[in-house]
């Protein structure tokens, strides 16, 4: 069963069916479908991806239930913070939380609250239960449904949060960083190669917020 809303699923299937058509009208039909989808589902937002560090090592050493308890505490602690800071939690998968904010500035403000909350969680536990995060923040046109997000800026946030950010680090994409009107000077520029292309990101330590 498709995970898309029914109306979006029908439009995407119709778009695919055009691949079997010939004629000069095909491109115009595709453009019309694309515009219809974007008008309904595309929004310019700041997607964020929060990833918990150390899954493989801790699950191997302490067992999966140990780690799942940590994941549940992360989810139940951070979701209310996101939602009370003008953000929307789209989904949680494994040890990741996916959300979006109206702007990178709103995301940055919320992450300050995330830092306070995780510090509090970590105060009274041993190192094996310590919740450490790596976070990616993007900004740009993103297709949104109630259950998921799609788009190059969301993909960049995933790459930054899940693969490139170190433990305790927030990486803002260049698009996201440029939208900040204040505090840009506290970031450190970092360079990566993603899919063969150079990418600039801007680093901030979560603990410094």
Protein backbone atom coordinates (compact mmCIF):
# COMPACT_ATOMS: atom_id res chain seq x y z
CA UNK A 1 0.00 0.00 0.00
CA UNK A 2 1.30 3.46 -0.88
CA UNK A 3 2.48 5.62 1.98
CA UNK A 4 1.39 8.76 0.15
CA UNK A 5 -1.97 10.49 0.61
CA UNK A 6 -4.44 9.15 -1.96
CA UNK A 7 -4.55 12.34 -4.01
CA UNK A 8 -0.75 12.54 -4.19
CA UNK A 9 -0.49 8.85 -5.02
CA UNK A 10 -2.91 9.25 -7.93
CA UNK A 11 -1.00 12.24 -9.30
CA UNK A 12 2.34 10.45 -9.08
CA UNK A 13 0.94 7.38 -10.81
CA UNK A 14 -0.51 9.59 -13.53
CA UNK A 15 2.88 11.26 -13.95
CA UNK A 16 4.54 7.88 -14.29
CA UNK A 17 1.99 6.78 -16.90
CA UNK A 18 3.09 9.69 -19.08
CA UNK A 19 6.41 7.92 -19.58
CA UNK A 20 4.56 5.59 -21.97
CA UNK A 21 3.11 8.41 -24.06
CA UNK A 22 4.58 10.08 -27.09
CA UNK A 23 3.92 13.50 -28.48
CA UNK A 24 4.61 17.11 -27.74
CA UNK A 25 1.95 17.29 -25.04
CA UNK A 26 3.76 14.95 -22.65
CA UNK A 27 6.12 17.56 -21.21
CA UNK A 28 3.27 20.05 -20.72
CA UNK A 29 1.19 17.43 -18.91
CA UNK A 30 4.11 16.60 -16.59
CA UNK A 31 4.65 20.26 -15.82
CA UNK A 32 0.97 20.68 -14.99
CA UNK A 33 1.04 17.71 -12.61
CA UNK A 34 4.22 18.97 -10.96
CA UNK A 35 2.72 22.41 -10.41
CA UNK A 36 -0.41 20.89 -8.92
CA UNK A 37 1.63 18.77 -6.49
CA UNK A 38 3.87 21.66 -5.47
CA UNK A 39 0.94 24.01 -4.93
CA UNK A 40 -0.61 21.58 -2.47
CA UNK A 41 2.36 19.96 -0.75
CA UNK A 42 5.46 22.12 -1.14
CA UNK A 43 6.46 24.51 1.64
CA UNK A 44 9.68 26.37 2.36
CA UNK A 45 10.77 25.11 5.78
CA UNK A 46 13.82 24.21 7.84
CA UNK A 47 13.91 20.41 8.09
CA UNK A 48 15.89 19.04 11.01
CA UNK A 49 17.14 15.52 11.66
CA UNK A 50 18.15 14.53 15.19
CA UNK A 51 20.19 11.35 15.44
CA UNK A 52 21.27 9.55 18.61
CA UNK A 53 24.93 8.60 18.73
CA UNK A 54 26.34 5.18 19.50
CA UNK A 55 23.56 2.80 18.47
CA UNK A 56 25.69 -0.11 17.25
CA UNK A 57 28.26 -0.02 20.04
CA UNK A 58 25.77 0.38 22.90
CA UNK A 59 23.31 -2.19 21.57
CA UNK A 60 26.15 -4.68 21.25
CA UNK A 61 27.54 -3.98 24.72
CA UNK A 62 24.37 -3.44 26.78
CA UNK A 63 21.62 -5.04 24.70
CA UNK A 64 18.89 -3.65 22.49
CA UNK A 65 16.42 -2.98 25.33
CA UNK A 66 18.96 -0.77 27.06
CA UNK A 67 19.23 1.35 23.92
CA UNK A 68 15.51 1.33 23.17
CA UNK A 69 14.82 2.77 26.63
CA UNK A 70 17.20 5.60 25.75
CA UNK A 71 15.48 6.11 22.39
CA UNK A 72 12.09 6.33 24.09
CA UNK A 73 13.36 8.92 26.55
CA UNK A 74 14.81 10.95 23.68
CA UNK A 75 11.52 10.84 21.76
CA UNK A 76 9.24 11.67 24.68
CA UNK A 77 11.51 14.47 25.85
CA UNK A 78 12.25 16.17 22.53
CA UNK A 79 8.90 15.96 20.76
CA UNK A 80 7.12 18.35 23.17
CA UNK A 81 10.04 20.77 22.90
CA UNK A 82 9.84 20.81 19.10
CA UNK A 83 6.07 21.27 19.12
CA UNK A 84 6.13 24.06 21.72
CA UNK A 85 8.78 25.90 19.67
CA UNK A 86 6.70 26.28 16.48
CA UNK A 87 8.03 23.04 15.03
CA UNK A 88 6.30 19.96 13.67
CA UNK A 89 7.48 16.42 14.33
CA UNK A 90 6.86 14.46 11.14
CA UNK A 91 8.08 11.04 12.24
CA UNK A 92 10.46 9.09 14.43
CA UNK A 93 12.35 6.14 12.99
CA UNK A 94 14.79 3.97 14.93
CA UNK A 95 16.89 6.48 16.90
CA UNK A 96 16.08 9.46 14.67
CA UNK A 97 13.58 12.28 15.04
CA UNK A 98 12.50 14.15 11.88
CA UNK A 99 10.87 17.56 12.16
CA UNK A 100 10.59 20.92 10.44
CA UNK A 101 10.42 24.56 11.53
CA UNK A 102 9.22 27.71 9.75
CA UNK A 103 12.78 29.04 9.73
CA UNK A 104 16.35 28.11 10.72
CA UNK A 105 16.15 30.72 13.48
CA UNK A 106 13.17 28.90 15.02
CA UNK A 107 15.09 25.64 14.75
CA UNK A 108 18.12 27.15 16.44
CA UNK A 109 16.01 28.48 19.30
CA UNK A 110 14.40 25.07 19.80
CA UNK A 111 17.79 23.37 19.82
CA UNK A 112 18.78 25.56 22.75
CA UNK A 113 15.86 24.00 24.63
CA UNK A 114 16.91 20.56 23.41
CA UNK A 115 20.35 21.16 24.88
CA UNK A 116 18.91 22.07 28.28
CA UNK A 117 16.63 19.02 28.27
CA UNK A 118 19.35 16.53 27.35
CA UNK A 119 21.70 18.01 29.92
CA UNK A 120 19.03 17.43 32.55
CA UNK A 121 18.47 13.86 31.36
CA UNK A 122 22.19 13.14 31.54
CA UNK A 123 22.78 14.64 35.00
CA UNK A 124 21.69 11.64 37.04
CA UNK A 125 22.69 8.69 34.84
CA UNK A 126 25.89 6.79 34.21
CA UNK A 127 27.78 7.02 30.94
CA UNK A 128 26.07 3.95 29.49
CA UNK A 129 22.72 5.80 29.60
CA UNK A 130 24.00 9.16 28.40
CA UNK A 131 21.97 10.56 25.49
CA UNK A 132 24.20 12.22 22.90
CA UNK A 133 22.90 13.74 19.69
CA UNK A 134 24.09 14.79 16.26
CA UNK A 135 21.83 17.15 14.33
CA UNK A 136 21.39 18.40 10.77
CA UNK A 137 19.40 21.47 9.74
CA UNK A 138 18.43 22.38 6.17
CA UNK A 139 16.29 25.06 4.57
CA UNK A 140 14.37 25.19 1.33
CA UNK A 141 11.36 23.94 -0.64
CA UNK A 142 10.18 20.65 0.86
CA UNK A 143 7.24 18.41 0.06
CA UNK A 144 5.32 17.82 3.28
CA UNK A 145 2.66 15.32 4.23
CA UNK A 146 1.52 14.32 7.70
CA UNK A 147 3.84 11.31 7.65
CA UNK A 148 6.97 12.33 5.75
CA UNK A 149 9.12 14.91 3.98
CA UNK A 150 10.86 14.90 0.60
CA UNK A 151 13.27 17.23 -1.13
CA UNK A 152 16.93 18.02 -1.61
CA UNK A 153 17.08 20.27 1.46
CA UNK A 154 15.55 17.52 3.61
CA UNK A 155 18.05 15.07 2.13
CA UNK A 156 20.85 17.45 3.05
CA UNK A 157 19.59 17.69 6.64
CA UNK A 158 19.59 13.86 6.78
CA UNK A 159 23.12 13.68 5.44
CA UNK A 160 24.35 16.32 7.88
CA UNK A 161 22.64 14.87 10.95
CA UNK A 162 23.06 11.16 10.35
CA UNK A 163 26.42 10.91 8.58
CA UNK A 164 28.52 14.05 8.90
CA UNK A 165 27.80 15.68 12.27
CA UNK A 166 29.93 14.46 15.13
CA UNK A 167 28.57 13.64 18.57
CA UNK A 168 27.20 16.82 20.14
CA UNK A 169 27.43 18.78 16.88
CA UNK A 170 24.78 20.67 14.90
CA UNK A 171 25.46 21.17 11.20
CA UNK A 172 23.47 23.82 9.35
CA UNK A 173 23.39 23.63 5.58
CA UNK A 174 24.63 26.67 3.72
CA UNK A 175 21.03 27.55 2.77
CA UNK A 176 19.97 27.36 6.42
CA UNK A 177 22.94 29.32 7.73
CA UNK A 178 22.36 32.16 5.24
CA UNK A 179 18.83 32.63 6.59
CA UNK A 180 20.05 33.45 10.09
CA UNK A 181 20.06 37.17 10.78
CA UNK A 182 21.88 36.82 14.09
CA UNK A 183 24.46 34.49 15.62
CA UNK A 184 25.98 33.56 12.28
CA UNK A 185 29.40 34.48 13.65
CA UNK A 186 29.29 31.71 16.29
CA UNK A 187 29.34 28.98 13.62
CA UNK A 188 32.46 27.35 12.22
CA UNK A 189 32.52 26.66 8.49
CA UNK A 190 33.22 23.07 7.50
CA UNK A 191 33.66 21.52 4.06
CA UNK A 192 32.61 18.07 2.88
CA UNK A 193 32.28 16.13 -0.34
CA UNK A 194 28.79 14.69 -0.80
CA UNK A 195 28.07 12.46 -3.82
CA UNK A 196 31.18 13.81 -5.49
CA UNK A 197 30.28 17.48 -4.96
CA UNK A 198 31.81 19.96 -2.48
CA UNK A 199 29.39 21.06 0.23
CA UNK A 200 29.79 23.77 2.85
CA UNK A 201 28.12 23.40 6.23
CA UNK A 202 28.24 25.45 9.41
CA UNK A 203 29.01 23.83 12.72
CA UNK A 204 27.85 24.62 16.23
CA UNK A 205 28.25 22.59 19.39
CA UNK A 206 24.92 21.70 20.96
CA UNK A 207 26.45 22.09 24.41
CA UNK A 208 27.35 25.69 23.62
CA UNK A 209 23.76 26.84 23.20
